[in-house]
N, C-alpha and C. Protein backbone atom coordinates (compact mmCIF):
# COMPACT_ATOMS: atom_id res chain seq x y z
N MET A 1 207.07 167.00 110.56
CA MET A 1 207.42 167.19 109.17
C MET A 1 206.17 167.13 108.30
N SER A 2 206.17 167.92 107.27
CA SER A 2 205.04 167.97 106.36
C SER A 2 205.19 166.94 105.26
N SER A 3 204.09 166.40 104.85
CA SER A 3 204.14 165.43 103.77
C SER A 3 204.14 166.16 102.43
N PRO A 4 204.66 165.53 101.38
CA PRO A 4 204.69 166.16 100.06
C PRO A 4 203.29 166.49 99.53
N THR A 5 202.31 165.68 99.88
CA THR A 5 200.95 165.93 99.42
C THR A 5 200.40 167.21 100.04
N LEU A 6 200.69 167.43 101.32
CA LEU A 6 200.22 168.63 102.00
C LEU A 6 200.89 169.87 101.42
N LEU A 7 202.18 169.78 101.10
CA LEU A 7 202.89 170.92 100.51
C LEU A 7 202.33 171.26 99.13
N ALA A 8 202.04 170.23 98.32
CA ALA A 8 201.48 170.45 96.99
C ALA A 8 200.09 171.06 97.10
N SER A 9 199.32 170.60 98.07
CA SER A 9 197.98 171.13 98.28
C SER A 9 198.03 172.59 98.70
N THR A 10 198.97 172.93 99.58
CA THR A 10 199.13 174.31 100.03
C THR A 10 199.57 175.21 98.88
N ALA A 11 200.49 174.74 98.07
CA ALA A 11 200.96 175.53 96.93
C ALA A 11 199.81 175.78 95.94
N GLY A 12 198.99 174.78 95.75
CA GLY A 12 197.84 174.94 94.86
C GLY A 12 196.85 175.96 95.38
N LEU A 13 196.62 175.95 96.69
CA LEU A 13 195.71 176.92 97.30
C LEU A 13 196.26 178.34 97.19
N VAL A 14 197.56 178.48 97.38
CA VAL A 14 198.19 179.80 97.26
C VAL A 14 198.06 180.31 95.83
N ALA A 15 198.31 179.44 94.86
CA ALA A 15 198.20 179.84 93.45
C ALA A 15 196.76 180.21 93.10
N LEU A 16 195.80 179.43 93.57
CA LEU A 16 194.39 179.71 93.32
C LEU A 16 193.98 181.03 93.95
N SER A 17 194.44 181.27 95.16
CA SER A 17 194.14 182.54 95.85
C SER A 17 194.71 183.72 95.08
N ALA A 18 195.92 183.57 94.56
CA ALA A 18 196.56 184.65 93.80
C ALA A 18 195.77 184.96 92.53
N VAL A 19 195.28 183.93 91.86
CA VAL A 19 194.49 184.12 90.65
C VAL A 19 193.18 184.83 90.97
N ILE A 20 192.54 184.42 92.05
CA ILE A 20 191.27 185.05 92.44
C ILE A 20 191.49 186.51 92.81
N VAL A 21 192.52 186.81 93.58
CA VAL A 21 192.82 188.20 93.96
C VAL A 21 193.11 189.04 92.72
N ALA A 22 193.88 188.51 91.78
CA ALA A 22 194.20 189.24 90.56
C ALA A 22 192.92 189.52 89.76
N GLY A 23 192.01 188.55 89.72
CA GLY A 23 190.75 188.75 89.02
C GLY A 23 189.88 189.82 89.66
N VAL A 24 189.83 189.83 90.98
CA VAL A 24 189.05 190.84 91.69
C VAL A 24 189.64 192.23 91.46
N ILE A 25 190.95 192.35 91.52
CA ILE A 25 191.61 193.64 91.27
C ILE A 25 191.30 194.11 89.85
N TRP A 26 191.36 193.22 88.89
CA TRP A 26 191.06 193.58 87.50
C TRP A 26 189.62 194.07 87.37
N LEU A 27 188.67 193.38 88.01
CA LEU A 27 187.27 193.81 87.96
C LEU A 27 187.08 195.19 88.58
N ILE A 28 187.77 195.47 89.67
CA ILE A 28 187.67 196.78 90.31
C ILE A 28 188.19 197.87 89.37
N ILE A 29 189.32 197.60 88.73
CA ILE A 29 189.90 198.58 87.80
C ILE A 29 188.94 198.85 86.64
N VAL A 30 188.35 197.81 86.09
CA VAL A 30 187.40 197.98 84.98
C VAL A 30 186.18 198.77 85.44
N ALA A 31 185.67 198.47 86.63
CA ALA A 31 184.50 199.18 87.14
C ALA A 31 184.79 200.67 87.34
N VAL A 32 185.97 200.99 87.85
CA VAL A 32 186.34 202.39 88.06
C VAL A 32 186.44 203.12 86.73
N ARG A 33 187.03 202.48 85.75
CA ARG A 33 187.16 203.12 84.43
C ARG A 33 185.80 203.35 83.78
N LEU A 34 184.89 202.41 83.96
CA LEU A 34 183.56 202.56 83.37
C LEU A 34 182.77 203.68 84.03
N THR A 35 182.94 203.86 85.33
CA THR A 35 182.19 204.91 86.02
C THR A 35 182.72 206.29 85.68
N LYS A 36 183.97 206.39 85.23
CA LYS A 36 184.52 207.69 84.87
C LYS A 36 184.14 208.11 83.46
N SER A 37 183.63 207.19 82.67
CA SER A 37 183.22 207.51 81.30
C SER A 37 181.88 208.22 81.31
N PRO A 38 181.67 209.16 80.39
CA PRO A 38 180.35 209.80 80.30
C PRO A 38 179.29 208.76 79.98
N ARG A 39 178.17 208.86 80.66
CA ARG A 39 177.10 207.89 80.45
C ARG A 39 176.30 208.20 79.20
N ASN A 40 176.25 209.43 78.86
CA ASN A 40 175.44 209.85 77.71
C ASN A 40 176.35 210.42 76.62
N ARG A 41 175.74 211.14 75.73
CA ARG A 41 176.52 211.74 74.64
C ARG A 41 177.46 212.80 75.17
N PRO A 42 178.71 212.83 74.71
CA PRO A 42 179.63 213.86 75.16
C PRO A 42 179.37 215.22 74.50
N ASN A 43 178.76 215.23 73.33
CA ASN A 43 178.48 216.49 72.63
C ASN A 43 177.03 216.88 72.84
N PRO A 44 176.78 218.11 73.23
CA PRO A 44 175.40 218.53 73.47
C PRO A 44 174.59 218.61 72.18
N SER A 45 173.34 218.21 72.27
CA SER A 45 172.45 218.29 71.10
C SER A 45 171.92 219.72 70.97
N VAL A 46 171.31 219.99 69.83
CA VAL A 46 170.73 221.31 69.59
C VAL A 46 169.61 221.58 70.60
N ASP A 47 168.82 220.55 70.89
CA ASP A 47 167.75 220.68 71.88
C ASP A 47 168.30 221.08 73.25
N LEU A 48 169.38 220.42 73.65
CA LEU A 48 169.99 220.72 74.94
C LEU A 48 170.50 222.15 74.98
N VAL A 49 171.13 222.58 73.91
CA VAL A 49 171.64 223.96 73.85
C VAL A 49 170.49 224.95 73.98
N ASP A 50 169.39 224.68 73.28
CA ASP A 50 168.22 225.57 73.37
C ASP A 50 167.65 225.61 74.79
N GLN A 51 167.54 224.45 75.42
CA GLN A 51 167.00 224.39 76.78
C GLN A 51 167.91 225.12 77.76
N ALA A 52 169.22 224.89 77.65
CA ALA A 52 170.17 225.55 78.55
C ALA A 52 170.17 227.06 78.33
N ARG A 53 170.08 227.47 77.08
CA ARG A 53 170.04 228.91 76.77
C ARG A 53 168.79 229.56 77.36
N GLU A 54 167.67 228.86 77.28
CA GLU A 54 166.43 229.39 77.84
C GLU A 54 166.52 229.50 79.37
N LEU A 55 167.07 228.48 80.02
CA LEU A 55 167.24 228.54 81.48
C LEU A 55 168.16 229.69 81.88
N LYS A 56 169.22 229.88 81.11
CA LYS A 56 170.15 230.97 81.41
C LYS A 56 169.45 232.32 81.26
N ALA A 57 168.65 232.47 80.22
CA ALA A 57 167.93 233.73 80.00
C ALA A 57 166.95 234.02 81.13
N LEU A 58 166.44 232.97 81.77
CA LEU A 58 165.52 233.14 82.90
C LEU A 58 166.26 233.34 84.22
N GLY A 59 167.59 233.34 84.16
CA GLY A 59 168.39 233.53 85.37
C GLY A 59 168.63 232.26 86.15
N GLN A 60 168.29 231.12 85.58
CA GLN A 60 168.45 229.83 86.26
C GLN A 60 169.73 229.15 85.77
N ILE A 61 170.85 229.77 86.08
CA ILE A 61 172.14 229.29 85.57
C ILE A 61 172.51 227.94 86.17
N GLN A 62 172.31 227.77 87.48
CA GLN A 62 172.66 226.49 88.10
C GLN A 62 171.81 225.35 87.54
N GLU A 63 170.56 225.62 87.26
CA GLU A 63 169.70 224.60 86.66
C GLU A 63 170.18 224.24 85.26
N ALA A 64 170.63 225.25 84.52
CA ALA A 64 171.17 225.00 83.18
C ALA A 64 172.43 224.14 83.25
N VAL A 65 173.29 224.45 84.22
CA VAL A 65 174.52 223.67 84.40
C VAL A 65 174.16 222.23 84.78
N PHE A 66 173.21 222.07 85.68
CA PHE A 66 172.77 220.74 86.10
C PHE A 66 172.23 219.95 84.92
N LEU A 67 171.44 220.60 84.09
CA LEU A 67 170.88 219.95 82.90
C LEU A 67 171.99 219.49 81.96
N VAL A 68 172.95 220.36 81.69
CA VAL A 68 174.06 220.02 80.79
C VAL A 68 174.86 218.86 81.36
N ARG A 69 175.13 218.90 82.65
CA ARG A 69 175.89 217.81 83.28
C ARG A 69 175.16 216.49 83.16
N GLY A 70 173.85 216.51 83.41
CA GLY A 70 173.07 215.28 83.36
C GLY A 70 172.99 214.68 81.97
N GLU A 71 172.93 215.52 80.96
CA GLU A 71 172.79 215.03 79.59
C GLU A 71 174.11 214.64 78.94
N THR A 72 175.20 215.27 79.35
CA THR A 72 176.48 215.03 78.66
C THR A 72 177.51 214.29 79.50
N GLY A 73 177.36 214.32 80.82
CA GLY A 73 178.39 213.72 81.68
C GLY A 73 179.56 214.65 81.91
N MET A 74 179.42 215.93 81.53
CA MET A 74 180.50 216.90 81.74
C MET A 74 180.72 217.12 83.23
N SER A 75 181.91 217.59 83.55
CA SER A 75 182.20 217.97 84.93
C SER A 75 181.47 219.28 85.25
N GLN A 76 181.41 219.61 86.54
CA GLN A 76 180.76 220.87 86.96
C GLN A 76 181.41 222.06 86.27
N ARG A 77 182.73 222.06 86.27
CA ARG A 77 183.48 223.18 85.70
C ARG A 77 183.23 223.32 84.19
N ALA A 78 183.29 222.19 83.48
CA ALA A 78 183.10 222.22 82.02
C ALA A 78 181.68 222.64 81.67
N ALA A 79 180.70 222.14 82.41
CA ALA A 79 179.31 222.50 82.14
C ALA A 79 179.06 223.98 82.44
N ALA A 80 179.66 224.50 83.51
CA ALA A 80 179.50 225.92 83.83
C ALA A 80 180.11 226.80 82.74
N ARG A 81 181.28 226.40 82.24
CA ARG A 81 181.90 227.16 81.14
C ARG A 81 181.02 227.12 79.90
N PHE A 82 180.47 225.95 79.62
CA PHE A 82 179.60 225.80 78.46
C PHE A 82 178.39 226.72 78.56
N VAL A 83 177.73 226.71 79.73
CA VAL A 83 176.54 227.55 79.92
C VAL A 83 176.90 229.02 79.86
N ASN A 84 178.02 229.41 80.44
CA ASN A 84 178.42 230.82 80.42
C ASN A 84 178.70 231.32 79.01
N ARG A 85 179.08 230.42 78.11
CA ARG A 85 179.39 230.83 76.74
C ARG A 85 178.16 230.89 75.85
N LEU A 86 177.03 230.47 76.37
CA LEU A 86 175.80 230.50 75.55
C LEU A 86 175.32 231.92 75.37
């Protein structure tokens, strides 16, 4: 038979474990949400537009898309559409 002290100790450990697991899950969710956010400005600057337009005129469309993605955090598809409309 288990003593009441052992049962209370076990219940406390279970509760503490549940709190720790909930905290870890919360931290993972926050980290995932932060990584999905654009790291830089979402709207392209005039300088960026000029640089991308120049690359496109030189036939370097993929480089222009890469530049736009790096500066704005846009997806590949959105950056390609942006460059194609220049």
